[in-house]
Amino acid sequence: MNALKFSLISIGIGLLVLAFAHWLGLDYFYFAGYTILQFIVLATAWNILGGYCGYVNFGTAAFFALGAYSSVFMYKFYPLPIPVLILISAVVSGIVGFGMGYLTLRLRGSFFAIATLAMAVVLQTLVINWDYVGGSRGAYILRPEKMEIAGLTINYIEYLFVLMLILAVVALATARTIERSQLGFGFATIRDDEMAAEACGVPTLRLKLIATTLSGAFMGMAGAPFPYYIGYIQPQSAFGLEYAVNSIAMPMIGGTTSWIGPLVGSILLGSAQQYATVTISSAVNLLIVGLMLVAFVIIAPNGLIGLVQKRLRRGPP
């Protein structure tokens, strides 16, 4: 199945679920679904660098916030439709991802991870002291309650849900294409043995720059609609710890060597967090992440996908 057919089928399934929820009047479904789709994009973006190349990135929140504050800046400077803001955020975050990669990818292991975390701290400090986008006080985003598309009036949250659904499908289709391409094979050589890959003539630095650029761009795209989703944004929410933790935990739970892993992990962990938010409190979300991560590291070190593949290779008893 080629990428176009995969994307059209995925979007079709998502729109059917949207229509069903609209028919039943399940308003909370859109809020919960938006969050899960957002984490699918973030987890898939993280996996391009962290799973395919083996470089652990703790800077997810920085790229997410960069996309969100790009939208805030344009909202104050010259308001544009959200799809345009998503593209602008992709360009801005992609450029920062390229710059971060150029400066830090000569580091390896824990040194690279610490460098990405330091970048997040630096960007948060800049945003806190930038009054034009709200600074430490935050900024309000006014949005309409309804949207009219092709003569059909829908709630604004449904519009945001559709946009995030399209983003999730694009991210998954991109990761799926990379995994089956020569680029993906190059990423795998870096993950398995970077020094051996360099000795064999693989352009490792160029491949890693491609990975950081793509990863940063998708993370920024995930953050672009965020101010319109919550209506008010502040540095503490945009640079939240949950984005960095979830974007790492979800691929690890699902499996980091396949595009399906971040999808499975995001749906599983995201659904558990949304259920806990409704029934208990959102304060336990990080506790759920920790417990599930420890459990899957013990039970399935290679994630659910790795566990299933292992069982299939073993065959029936």
C-alpha atoms as a PDB file:
ATOM      1  CA  MET A   1       0.000   0.000   0.000  1.00  0.00           C
ATOM      2  CA  ASN A   2       1.541   3.327  -1.045  1.00  0.00           C
ATOM      3  CA  ALA A   3       1.624   6.399   1.176  1.00  0.00           C
ATOM      4  CA  LEU A   4      -1.257   8.176  -0.598  1.00  0.00           C
ATOM      5  CA  LYS A   5      -3.625   5.225  -0.296  1.00  0.00           C
ATOM      6  CA  PHE A   6      -2.606   4.727   3.349  1.00  0.00           C
ATOM      7  CA  SER A   7      -3.276   8.415   4.099  1.00  0.00           C
ATOM      8  CA  LEU A   8      -6.676   8.470   2.384  1.00  0.00           C
ATOM      9  CA  ILE A   9      -7.843   5.313   4.170  1.00  0.00           C
ATOM     10  CA  SER A  10      -6.643   6.633   7.546  1.00  0.00           C
ATOM     11  CA  ILE A  11      -8.333  10.010   7.067  1.00  0.00           C
ATOM     12  CA  GLY A  12     -11.513   8.249   5.910  1.00  0.00           C
ATOM     13  CA  ILE A  13     -11.614   6.106   9.057  1.00  0.00           C
ATOM     14  CA  GLY A  14     -10.984   9.179  11.222  1.00  0.00           C
ATOM     15  CA  LEU A  15     -13.790  11.133   9.545  1.00  0.00           C
ATOM     16  CA  LEU A  16     -16.189   8.229  10.053  1.00  0.00           C
ATOM     17  CA  VAL A  17     -15.356   8.226  13.772  1.00  0.00           C
ATOM     18  CA  LEU A  18     -15.833  12.011  13.801  1.00  0.00           C
ATOM     19  CA  ALA A  19     -19.244  11.749  12.134  1.00  0.00           C
ATOM     20  CA  PHE A  20     -20.312   9.014  14.573  1.00  0.00           C
ATOM     21  CA  ALA A  21     -19.267  11.118  17.575  1.00  0.00           C
ATOM     22  CA  HIS A  22     -21.029  14.172  16.107  1.00  0.00           C
ATOM     23  CA  TRP A  23     -24.204  12.146  15.599  1.00  0.00           C
ATOM     24  CA  LEU A  24     -24.138  10.917  19.212  1.00  0.00           C
ATOM     25  CA  GLY A  25     -23.264  14.378  20.552  1.00  0.00           C
ATOM     26  CA  LEU A  26     -20.113  13.208  22.366  1.00  0.00           C
ATOM     27  CA  ASP A  27     -18.457  16.595  22.848  1.00  0.00           C
ATOM     28  CA  TYR A  28     -15.758  15.328  25.208  1.00  0.00           C
ATOM     29  CA  PHE A  29     -14.653  12.859  22.545  1.00  0.00           C
ATOM     30  CA  TYR A  30     -13.192  15.717  20.502  1.00  0.00           C
ATOM     31  CA  PHE A  31     -11.175  17.101  23.417  1.00  0.00           C
ATOM     32  CA  ALA A  32      -9.834  13.672  24.373  1.00  0.00           C
ATOM     33  CA  GLY A  33      -9.347  12.647  20.753  1.00  0.00           C
ATOM     34  CA  TYR A  34      -7.456  15.844  19.964  1.00  0.00           C
ATOM     35  CA  THR A  35      -5.050  15.177  22.832  1.00  0.00           C
ATOM     36  CA  ILE A  36      -4.437  11.574  21.768  1.00  0.00           C
ATOM     37  CA  LEU A  37      -3.887  12.602  18.136  1.00  0.00           C
ATOM     38  CA  GLN A  38      -1.510  15.324  19.321  1.00  0.00           C
ATOM     39  CA  PHE A  39       0.542  12.729  21.183  1.00  0.00           C
ATOM     40  CA  ILE A  40       0.538  10.462  18.118  1.00  0.00           C
ATOM     41  CA  VAL A  41       2.217  13.284  16.176  1.00  0.00           C
ATOM     42  CA  LEU A  42       4.695  14.014  18.985  1.00  0.00           C
ATOM     43  CA  ALA A  43       5.550  10.356  19.580  1.00  0.00           C
ATOM     44  CA  THR A  44       5.990   9.698  15.856  1.00  0.00           C
ATOM     45  CA  ALA A  45       8.169  12.798  15.506  1.00  0.00           C
ATOM     46  CA  TRP A  46      10.299  11.748  18.487  1.00  0.00           C
ATOM     47  CA  ASN A  47      10.655   8.248  17.070  1.00  0.00           C
ATOM     48  CA  ILE A  48      12.135   9.516  13.794  1.00  0.00           C
ATOM     49  CA  LEU A  49      15.207  10.651  15.721  1.00  0.00           C
ATOM     50  CA  GLY A  50      15.037   8.616  18.925  1.00  0.00           C
ATOM     51  CA  GLY A  51      13.786   5.305  17.529  1.00  0.00           C
ATOM     52  CA  TYR A  52      15.113   5.157  13.981  1.00  0.00           C
ATOM     53  CA  CYS A  53      18.479   6.839  14.701  1.00  0.00           C
ATOM     54  CA  GLY A  54      18.888   5.960  18.381  1.00  0.00           C
ATOM     55  CA  TYR A  55      19.400   9.542  19.598  1.00  0.00           C
ATOM     56  CA  VAL A  56      17.313  10.227  22.723  1.00  0.00           C
ATOM     57  CA  ASN A  57      15.781  13.700  22.563  1.00  0.00           C
ATOM     58  CA  PHE A  58      14.556  15.406  25.751  1.00  0.00           C
ATOM     59  CA  GLY A  59      13.671  18.600  23.876  1.00  0.00           C
ATOM     60  CA  THR A  60      10.191  17.660  22.665  1.00  0.00           C
ATOM     61  CA  ALA A  61       8.533  20.329  24.811  1.00  0.00           C
ATOM     62  CA  ALA A  62      10.831  22.979  23.305  1.00  0.00           C
ATOM     63  CA  PHE A  63       9.774  22.222  19.718  1.00  0.00           C
ATOM     64  CA  PHE A  64       6.125  21.864  20.745  1.00  0.00           C
ATOM     65  CA  ALA A  65       6.230  25.251  22.492  1.00  0.00           C
ATOM     66  CA  LEU A  66       8.078  26.756  19.529  1.00  0.00           C
ATOM     67  CA  GLY A  67       5.176  25.793  17.289  1.00  0.00           C
ATOM     68  CA  ALA A  68       2.634  27.090  19.804  1.00  0.00           C
ATOM     69  CA  TYR A  69       4.366  30.437  20.271  1.00  0.00           C
ATOM     70  CA  SER A  70       4.836  30.813  16.515  1.00  0.00           C
ATOM     71  CA  SER A  71       1.029  30.766  16.338  1.00  0.00           C
ATOM     72  CA  VAL A  72       0.781  33.293  19.174  1.00  0.00           C
ATOM     73  CA  PHE A  73       3.252  35.599  17.442  1.00  0.00           C
ATOM     74  CA  MET A  74       1.346  35.470  14.153  1.00  0.00           C
ATOM     75  CA  TYR A  75      -1.970  35.907  15.991  1.00  0.00           C
ATOM     76  CA  LYS A  76      -0.720  39.226  17.363  1.00  0.00           C
ATOM     77  CA  PHE A  77       1.254  40.301  14.303  1.00  0.00           C
ATOM     78  CA  TYR A  78      -1.044  39.244  11.446  1.00  0.00           C
ATOM     79  CA  PRO A  79      -3.776  36.645  12.117  1.00  0.00           C
ATOM     80  CA  LEU A  80      -3.778  33.768   9.643  1.00  0.00           C
ATOM     81  CA  PRO A  81      -5.798  30.540   9.247  1.00  0.00           C
ATOM     82  CA  ILE A  82      -4.573  27.665  11.387  1.00  0.00           C
ATOM     83  CA  PRO A  83      -3.440  25.504   8.411  1.00  0.00           C
ATOM     84  CA  VAL A  84      -1.096  28.343   7.396  1.00  0.00           C
ATOM     85  CA  LEU A  85       0.104  28.669  10.997  1.00  0.00           C
ATOM     86  CA  ILE A  86       0.873  24.953  11.023  1.00  0.00           C
ATOM     87  CA  LEU A  87       3.079  25.355   7.947  1.00  0.00           C
ATOM     88  CA  ILE A  88       4.835  28.375   9.461  1.00  0.00           C
ATOM     89  CA  SER A  89       5.436  26.465  12.687  1.00  0.00           C
ATOM     90  CA  ALA A  90       6.829  23.539  10.695  1.00  0.00           C
ATOM     91  CA  VAL A  91       9.331  25.834   8.961  1.00  0.00           C
ATOM     92  CA  VAL A  92      10.377  27.590  12.188  1.00  0.00           C
ATOM     93  CA  SER A  93      10.711  24.376  14.191  1.00  0.00           C
ATOM     94  CA  GLY A  94      12.423  22.595  11.315  1.00  0.00           C
ATOM     95  CA  ILE A  95      15.042  25.352  11.072  1.00  0.00           C
ATOM     96  CA  VAL A  96      15.630  25.214  14.836  1.00  0.00           C
ATOM     97  CA  GLY A  97      15.826  21.417  14.645  1.00  0.00           C
ATOM     98  CA  PHE A  98      18.432  21.678  11.903  1.00  0.00           C
ATOM     99  CA  GLY A  99      20.418  24.204  13.947  1.00  0.00           C
ATOM    100  CA  MET A 100      20.182  22.081  17.072  1.00  0.00           C
ATOM    101  CA  GLY A 101      21.338  19.048  15.118  1.00  0.00           C
ATOM    102  CA  TYR A 102      24.262  20.873  13.583  1.00  0.00           C
ATOM    103  CA  LEU A 103      25.433  22.072  16.998  1.00  0.00           C
ATOM    104  CA  THR A 104      24.776  18.940  19.065  1.00  0.00           C
ATOM    105  CA  LEU A 105      24.834  15.858  16.853  1.00  0.00           C
ATOM    106  CA  ARG A 106      28.583  15.524  17.243  1.00  0.00           C
ATOM    107  CA  LEU A 107      27.688  14.605  20.816  1.00  0.00           C
ATOM    108  CA  ARG A 108      26.479  11.093  21.510  1.00  0.00           C
ATOM    109  CA  GLY A 109      24.555   9.231  24.155  1.00  0.00           C
ATOM    110  CA  SER A 110      23.736  11.070  27.369  1.00  0.00           C
ATOM    111  CA  PHE A 111      25.675  14.157  26.261  1.00  0.00           C
ATOM    112  CA  PHE A 112      23.290  14.692  23.339  1.00  0.00           C
ATOM    113  CA  ALA A 113      20.258  14.120  25.578  1.00  0.00           C
ATOM    114  CA  ILE A 114      21.506  16.714  28.095  1.00  0.00           C
ATOM    115  CA  ALA A 115      22.144  19.191  25.254  1.00  0.00           C
ATOM    116  CA  THR A 116      18.526  18.882  24.032  1.00  0.00           C
ATOM    117  CA  LEU A 117      17.251  19.392  27.571  1.00  0.00           C
ATOM    118  CA  ALA A 118      19.434  22.502  27.897  1.00  0.00           C
ATOM    119  CA  MET A 119      17.942  23.852  24.661  1.00  0.00           C
ATOM    120  CA  ALA A 120      14.445  23.502  26.122  1.00  0.00           C
ATOM    121  CA  VAL A 121      15.507  25.469  29.224  1.00  0.00           C
ATOM    122  CA  VAL A 122      17.048  28.227  27.076  1.00  0.00           C
ATOM    123  CA  LEU A 123      13.955  28.572  24.888  1.00  0.00           C
ATOM    124  CA  GLN A 124      11.651  28.654  27.915  1.00  0.00           C
ATOM    125  CA  THR A 125      13.762  31.433  29.464  1.00  0.00           C
ATOM    126  CA  LEU A 126      13.542  33.439  26.227  1.00  0.00           C
ATOM    127  CA  VAL A 127       9.764  33.049  26.039  1.00  0.00           C
ATOM    128  CA  ILE A 128       9.286  34.011  29.696  1.00  0.00           C
ATOM    129  CA  ASN A 129      11.119  37.270  29.037  1.00  0.00           C
ATOM    130  CA  TRP A 130       9.446  38.032  25.677  1.00  0.00           C
ATOM    131  CA  ASP A 131       6.513  40.302  26.514  1.00  0.00           C
ATOM    132  CA  TYR A 132       5.192  40.435  22.934  1.00  0.00           C
ATOM    133  CA  VAL A 133       3.970  36.823  23.174  1.00  0.00           C
ATOM    134  CA  GLY A 134       2.764  37.225  26.748  1.00  0.00           C
ATOM    135  CA  GLY A 135       5.940  36.510  28.685  1.00  0.00           C
ATOM    136  CA  SER A 136       5.447  34.880  32.057  1.00  0.00           C
ATOM    137  CA  ARG A 137       1.860  36.192  32.241  1.00  0.00           C
ATOM    138  CA  GLY A 138       0.734  34.179  29.249  1.00  0.00           C
ATOM    139  CA  ALA A 139      -1.478  35.186  26.337  1.00  0.00           C
ATOM    140  CA  TYR A 140      -5.173  34.793  25.522  1.00  0.00           C
ATOM    141  CA  ILE A 141      -6.296  33.566  22.113  1.00  0.00           C
ATOM    142  CA  LEU A 142      -9.809  34.456  21.012  1.00  0.00           C
ATOM    143  CA  ARG A 143     -11.442  31.905  18.754  1.00  0.00           C
ATOM    144  CA  PRO A 144     -14.927  31.502  17.275  1.00  0.00           C
ATOM    145  CA  GLU A 145     -17.295  28.969  18.766  1.00  0.00           C
ATOM    146  CA  LYS A 146     -18.403  27.633  15.364  1.00  0.00           C
ATOM    147  CA  MET A 147     -16.812  27.051  11.980  1.00  0.00           C
ATOM    148  CA  GLU A 148     -18.559  26.818   8.629  1.00  0.00           C
ATOM    149  CA  ILE A 149     -16.930  24.438   6.157  1.00  0.00           C
ATOM    150  CA  ALA A 150     -18.571  23.689   2.793  1.00  0.00           C
ATOM    151  CA  GLY A 151     -21.916  24.886   4.143  1.00  0.00           C
ATOM    152  CA  LEU A 152     -21.671  22.682   7.242  1.00  0.00           C
ATOM    153  CA  THR A 153     -21.500  24.395  10.638  1.00  0.00           C
ATOM    154  CA  ILE A 154     -19.407  22.545  13.214  1.00  0.00           C
ATOM    155  CA  ASN A 155     -17.954  23.347  16.620  1.00  0.00           C
ATOM    156  CA  TYR A 156     -14.461  24.797  16.590  1.00  0.00           C
ATOM    157  CA  ILE A 157     -13.096  21.870  18.572  1.00  0.00           C
ATOM    158  CA  GLU A 158     -14.309  19.546  15.812  1.00  0.00           C
ATOM    159  CA  TYR A 159     -12.382  21.670  13.314  1.00  0.00           C
ATOM    160  CA  LEU A 160      -9.243  21.384  15.448  1.00  0.00           C
ATOM    161  CA  PHE A 161      -9.818  17.632  15.749  1.00  0.00           C
ATOM    162  CA  VAL A 162      -9.911  17.276  11.950  1.00  0.00           C
ATOM    163  CA  LEU A 163      -6.712  19.313  11.585  1.00  0.00           C
ATOM    164  CA  MET A 164      -4.896  17.200  14.175  1.00  0.00           C
ATOM    165  CA  LEU A 165      -6.219  14.035  12.521  1.00  0.00           C
ATOM    166  CA  ILE A 166      -4.695  15.127   9.208  1.00  0.00           C
ATOM    167  CA  LEU A 167      -1.412  15.975  10.971  1.00  0.00           C
ATOM    168  CA  ALA A 168      -1.335  12.552  12.639  1.00  0.00           C
ATOM    169  CA  VAL A 169      -1.938  10.789   9.318  1.00  0.00           C
ATOM    170  CA  VAL A 170       0.783  12.851   7.586  1.00  0.00           C
ATOM    171  CA  ALA A 171       3.253  12.099  10.408  1.00  0.00           C
ATOM    172  CA  LEU A 172       2.479   8.361  10.337  1.00  0.00           C
ATOM    173  CA  ALA A 173       2.640   8.208   6.533  1.00  0.00           C
ATOM    174  CA  THR A 174       6.006  10.004   6.600  1.00  0.00           C
ATOM    175  CA  ALA A 175       7.424   7.655   9.240  1.00  0.00           C
ATOM    176  CA  ARG A 176       6.071   4.639   7.353  1.00  0.00           C
ATOM    177  CA  THR A 177       7.662   5.835   4.106  1.00  0.00           C
ATOM    178  CA  ILE A 178      10.989   6.533   5.806  1.00  0.00           C
ATOM    179  CA  GLU A 179      11.037   3.106   7.433  1.00  0.00           C
ATOM    180  CA  ARG A 180      10.747   1.364   4.063  1.00  0.00           C
ATOM    181  CA  SER A 181      13.129   3.641   2.163  1.00  0.00           C
ATOM    182  CA  GLN A 182      16.879   3.948   1.738  1.00  0.00           C
ATOM    183  CA  LEU A 183      16.751   6.825   4.206  1.00  0.00           C
ATOM    184  CA  GLY A 184      15.307   4.499   6.833  1.00  0.00           C
ATOM    185  CA  PHE A 185      18.031   1.932   6.207  1.00  0.00           C
ATOM    186  CA  GLY A 186      20.589   4.704   6.724  1.00  0.00           C
ATOM    187  CA  PHE A 187      18.923   5.656  10.003  1.00  0.00           C
ATOM    188  CA  ALA A 188      19.043   2.003  11.098  1.00  0.00           C
ATOM    189  CA  THR A 189      22.794   1.794  10.461  1.00  0.00           C
ATOM    190  CA  ILE A 190      23.298   4.828  12.717  1.00  0.00           C
ATOM    191  CA  ARG A 191      21.206   3.223  15.447  1.00  0.00           C
ATOM    192  CA  ASP A 192      22.973  -0.137  15.234  1.00  0.00           C
ATOM    193  CA  ASP A 193      26.592   1.037  14.954  1.00  0.00           C
ATOM    194  CA  GLU A 194      27.331   4.618  13.965  1.00  0.00           C
ATOM    195  CA  MET A 195      31.106   4.223  13.824  1.00  0.00           C
ATOM    196  CA  ALA A 196      30.829   1.193  11.543  1.00  0.00           C
ATOM    197  CA  ALA A 197      28.374   3.103   9.344  1.00  0.00           C
ATOM    198  CA  GLU A 198      30.834   5.988   9.028  1.00  0.00           C
ATOM    199  CA  ALA A 199      33.622   3.570   8.174  1.00  0.00           C
ATOM    200  CA  CYS A 200      31.435   2.122   5.398  1.00  0.00           C
ATOM    201  CA  GLY A 201      30.868   5.569   3.886  1.00  0.00           C
ATOM    202  CA  VAL A 202      27.367   6.286   5.221  1.00  0.00           C
ATOM    203  CA  PRO A 203      26.897  10.092   5.478  1.00  0.00           C
ATOM    204  CA  THR A 204      25.853   9.911   9.108  1.00  0.00           C
ATOM    205  CA  LEU A 205      25.888  13.650   9.876  1.00  0.00           C
ATOM    206  CA  ARG A 206      23.689  14.460   6.887  1.00  0.00           C
ATOM    207  CA  LEU A 207      21.232  11.718   7.793  1.00  0.00           C
ATOM    208  CA  LYS A 208      21.078  12.876  11.407  1.00  0.00           C
ATOM    209  CA  LEU A 209      20.425  16.467  10.271  1.00  0.00           C
ATOM    210  CA  ILE A 210      17.535  15.215   8.142  1.00  0.00           C
ATOM    211  CA  ALA A 211      16.170  13.346  11.163  1.00  0.00           C
ATOM    212  CA  THR A 212      16.423  16.345  13.523  1.00  0.00           C
ATOM    213  CA  THR A 213      14.819  18.640  10.942  1.00  0.00           C
ATOM    214  CA  LEU A 214      11.885  16.305  10.280  1.00  0.00           C
ATOM    215  CA  SER A 215      11.435  15.528  13.963  1.00  0.00           C
ATOM    216  CA  GLY A 216      11.486  19.198  14.971  1.00  0.00           C
ATOM    217  CA  ALA A 217       9.121  20.202  12.167  1.00  0.00           C
ATOM    218  CA  PHE A 218       6.462  17.652  13.152  1.00  0.00           C
ATOM    219  CA  MET A 219       6.724  18.586  16.827  1.00  0.00           C
ATOM    220  CA  GLY A 220       6.229  22.240  15.920  1.00  0.00           C
ATOM    221  CA  MET A 221       3.239  21.350  13.750  1.00  0.00           C
ATOM    222  CA  ALA A 222       1.673  19.525  16.704  1.00  0.00           C
ATOM    223  CA  GLY A 223       2.063  22.650  18.845  1.00  0.00           C
ATOM    224  CA  ALA A 224       0.680  25.158  16.322  1.00  0.00           C
ATOM    225  CA  PRO A 225      -3.061  24.607  17.064  1.00  0.00           C
ATOM    226  CA  PHE A 226      -2.463  24.299  20.826  1.00  0.00           C
ATOM    227  CA  PRO A 227      -3.178  27.979  21.742  1.00  0.00           C
ATOM    228  CA  TYR A 228      -6.503  27.760  19.895  1.00  0.00           C
ATOM    229  CA  TYR A 229      -7.316  24.504  21.660  1.00  0.00           C
ATOM    230  CA  ILE A 230      -6.977  25.851  25.205  1.00  0.00           C
ATOM    231  CA  GLY A 231      -7.596  29.583  24.561  1.00  0.00           C
ATOM    232  CA  TYR A 232      -4.826  30.646  26.925  1.00  0.00           C
ATOM    233  CA  ILE A 233      -1.154  29.755  26.805  1.00  0.00           C
ATOM    234  CA  GLN A 234       1.655  30.302  29.277  1.00  0.00           C
ATOM    235  CA  PRO A 235       5.228  28.977  29.370  1.00  0.00           C
ATOM    236  CA  GLN A 236       4.429  26.432  32.095  1.00  0.00           C
ATOM    237  CA  SER A 237       1.762  24.779  29.936  1.00  0.00           C
ATOM    238  CA  ALA A 238       3.597  24.978  26.609  1.00  0.00           C
ATOM    239  CA  PHE A 239       6.878  23.664  28.039  1.00  0.00           C
ATOM    240  CA  GLY A 240       5.127  21.087  30.224  1.00  0.00           C
ATOM    241  CA  LEU A 241       7.048  18.036  31.412  1.00  0.00           C
ATOM    242  CA  GLU A 242       4.317  15.729  30.151  1.00  0.00           C
ATOM    243  CA  TYR A 243       5.195  16.432  26.513  1.00  0.00           C
ATOM    244  CA  ALA A 244       8.802  15.330  26.917  1.00  0.00           C
ATOM    245  CA  VAL A 245       7.891  12.319  29.082  1.00  0.00           C
ATOM    246  CA  ASN A 246       4.968  11.100  26.970  1.00  0.00           C
ATOM    247  CA  SER A 247       6.769  11.504  23.660  1.00  0.00           C
ATOM    248  CA  ILE A 248       9.502   9.175  24.958  1.00  0.00           C
ATOM    249  CA  ALA A 249       7.294   6.726  26.856  1.00  0.00           C
ATOM    250  CA  MET A 250       4.734   6.165  24.091  1.00  0.00           C
ATOM    251  CA  PRO A 251       7.195   4.867  21.454  1.00  0.00           C
ATOM    252  CA  MET A 252       8.969   2.769  24.091  1.00  0.00           C
ATOM    253  CA  ILE A 253       5.683   1.161  25.127  1.00  0.00           C
ATOM    254  CA  GLY A 254       4.601   0.508  21.557  1.00  0.00           C
ATOM    255  CA  GLY A 255       8.032  -0.188  20.057  1.00  0.00           C
ATOM    256  CA  THR A 256      10.640   2.158  18.616  1.00  0.00           C
ATOM    257  CA  THR A 257      11.707   0.240  15.501  1.00  0.00           C
ATOM    258  CA  SER A 258       8.408   0.577  13.621  1.00  0.00           C
ATOM    259  CA  TRP A 259       6.001   3.398  12.781  1.00  0.00           C
ATOM    260  CA  ILE A 260       3.215   1.345  14.376  1.00  0.00           C
ATOM    261  CA  GLY A 261       4.885   1.487  17.812  1.00  0.00           C
ATOM    262  CA  PRO A 262       4.281   5.203  18.537  1.00  0.00           C
ATOM    263  CA  LEU A 263       0.701   4.824  17.265  1.00  0.00           C
ATOM    264  CA  VAL A 264      -0.068   1.888  19.571  1.00  0.00           C
ATOM    265  CA  GLY A 265       1.711   3.462  22.551  1.00  0.00           C
ATOM    266  CA  SER A 266      -0.037   6.810  22.073  1.00  0.00           C
ATOM    267  CA  ILE A 267      -3.490   5.271  21.866  1.00  0.00           C
ATOM    268  CA  LEU A 268      -2.879   2.985  24.855  1.00  0.00           C
ATOM    269  CA  LEU A 269      -1.197   5.498  27.148  1.00  0.00           C
ATOM    270  CA  GLY A 270      -3.199   8.494  25.941  1.00  0.00           C
ATOM    271  CA  SER A 271      -6.514   6.700  26.507  1.00  0.00           C
ATOM    272  CA  ALA A 272      -5.432   5.642  30.000  1.00  0.00           C
ATOM    273  CA  GLN A 273      -4.489   9.232  30.843  1.00  0.00           C
ATOM    274  CA  GLN A 274      -7.761  10.638  29.531  1.00  0.00           C
ATOM    275  CA  TYR A 275      -9.729   8.067  31.524  1.00  0.00           C
ATOM    276  CA  ALA A 276      -7.743   8.957  34.662  1.00  0.00           C
ATOM    277  CA  THR A 277      -8.305  12.673  34.036  1.00  0.00           C
ATOM    278  CA  VAL A 278     -12.085  12.164  34.007  1.00  0.00           C
ATOM    279  CA  THR A 279     -12.351   9.643  36.833  1.00  0.00           C
ATOM    280  CA  ILE A 280      -9.503  10.631  39.166  1.00  0.00           C
ATOM    281  CA  SER A 281      -7.372  13.657  38.332  1.00  0.00           C
ATOM    282  CA  SER A 282      -4.930  14.820  35.672  1.00  0.00           C
ATOM    283  CA  ALA A 283      -2.314  14.944  38.450  1.00  0.00           C
ATOM    284  CA  VAL A 284      -1.889  11.153  38.195  1.00  0.00           C
ATOM    285  CA  ASN A 285      -1.041  11.198  34.478  1.00  0.00           C
ATOM    286  CA  LEU A 286       2.716  11.158  35.026  1.00  0.00           C
ATOM    287  CA  LEU A 287       2.265   8.400  37.620  1.00  0.00           C
ATOM    288  CA  ILE A 288       0.465   6.319  34.988  1.00  0.00           C
ATOM    289  CA  VAL A 289       3.298   6.970  32.525  1.00  0.00           C
ATOM    290  CA  GLY A 290       5.877   5.813  35.066  1.00  0.00           C
ATOM    291  CA  LEU A 291       4.009   2.672  36.054  1.00  0.00           C
ATOM    292  CA  MET A 292       3.284   1.624  32.476  1.00  0.00           C
ATOM    293  CA  LEU A 293       6.835   2.367  31.376  1.00  0.00           C
ATOM    294  CA  VAL A 294       8.332   0.255  34.168  1.00  0.00           C
ATOM    295  CA  ALA A 295       5.862  -2.561  33.450  1.00  0.00           C
ATOM    296  CA  PHE A 296       6.601  -2.643  29.724  1.00  0.00           C
ATOM    297  CA  VAL A 297      10.362  -2.394  30.210  1.00  0.00           C
ATOM    298  CA  ILE A 298      10.119  -5.565  32.313  1.00  0.00           C
ATOM    299  CA  ILE A 299       7.515  -7.444  30.266  1.00  0.00           C
ATOM    300  CA  ALA A 300       8.296  -6.194  26.741  1.00  0.00           C
ATOM    301  CA  PRO A 301      11.687  -4.428  26.506  1.00  0.00           C
ATOM    302  CA  ASN A 302      11.201  -3.963  22.742  1.00  0.00           C
ATOM    303  CA  GLY A 303       7.647  -2.695  23.135  1.00  0.00           C
ATOM    304  CA  LEU A 304       4.342  -4.304  22.248  1.00  0.00           C
ATOM    305  CA  ILE A 305       5.270  -4.569  18.570  1.00  0.00           C
ATOM    306  CA  GLY A 306       8.533  -6.287  19.451  1.00  0.00           C
ATOM    307  CA  LEU A 307       6.688  -8.684  21.773  1.00  0.00           C
ATOM    308  CA  VAL A 308       4.176  -9.605  19.056  1.00  0.00           C
ATOM    309  CA  GLN A 309       6.933 -10.084  16.465  1.00  0.00           C
ATOM    310  CA  LYS A 310       8.831 -12.312  18.885  1.00  0.00           C
ATOM    311  CA  ARG A 311       5.751 -14.473  19.474  1.00  0.00           C
ATOM    312  CA  LEU A 312       5.092 -14.734  15.717  1.00  0.00           C
ATOM    313  CA  ARG A 313       8.698 -15.772  15.003  1.00  0.00           C
ATOM    314  CA  ARG A 314       8.498 -18.390  17.721  1.00  0.00           C
ATOM    315  CA  GLY A 315       5.385 -19.872  16.099  1.00  0.00           C
ATOM    316  CA  PRO A 316       2.715 -22.066  17.673  1.00  0.00           C
ATOM    317  CA  PRO A 317       3.787 -24.338  20.543  1.00  0.00           C
END
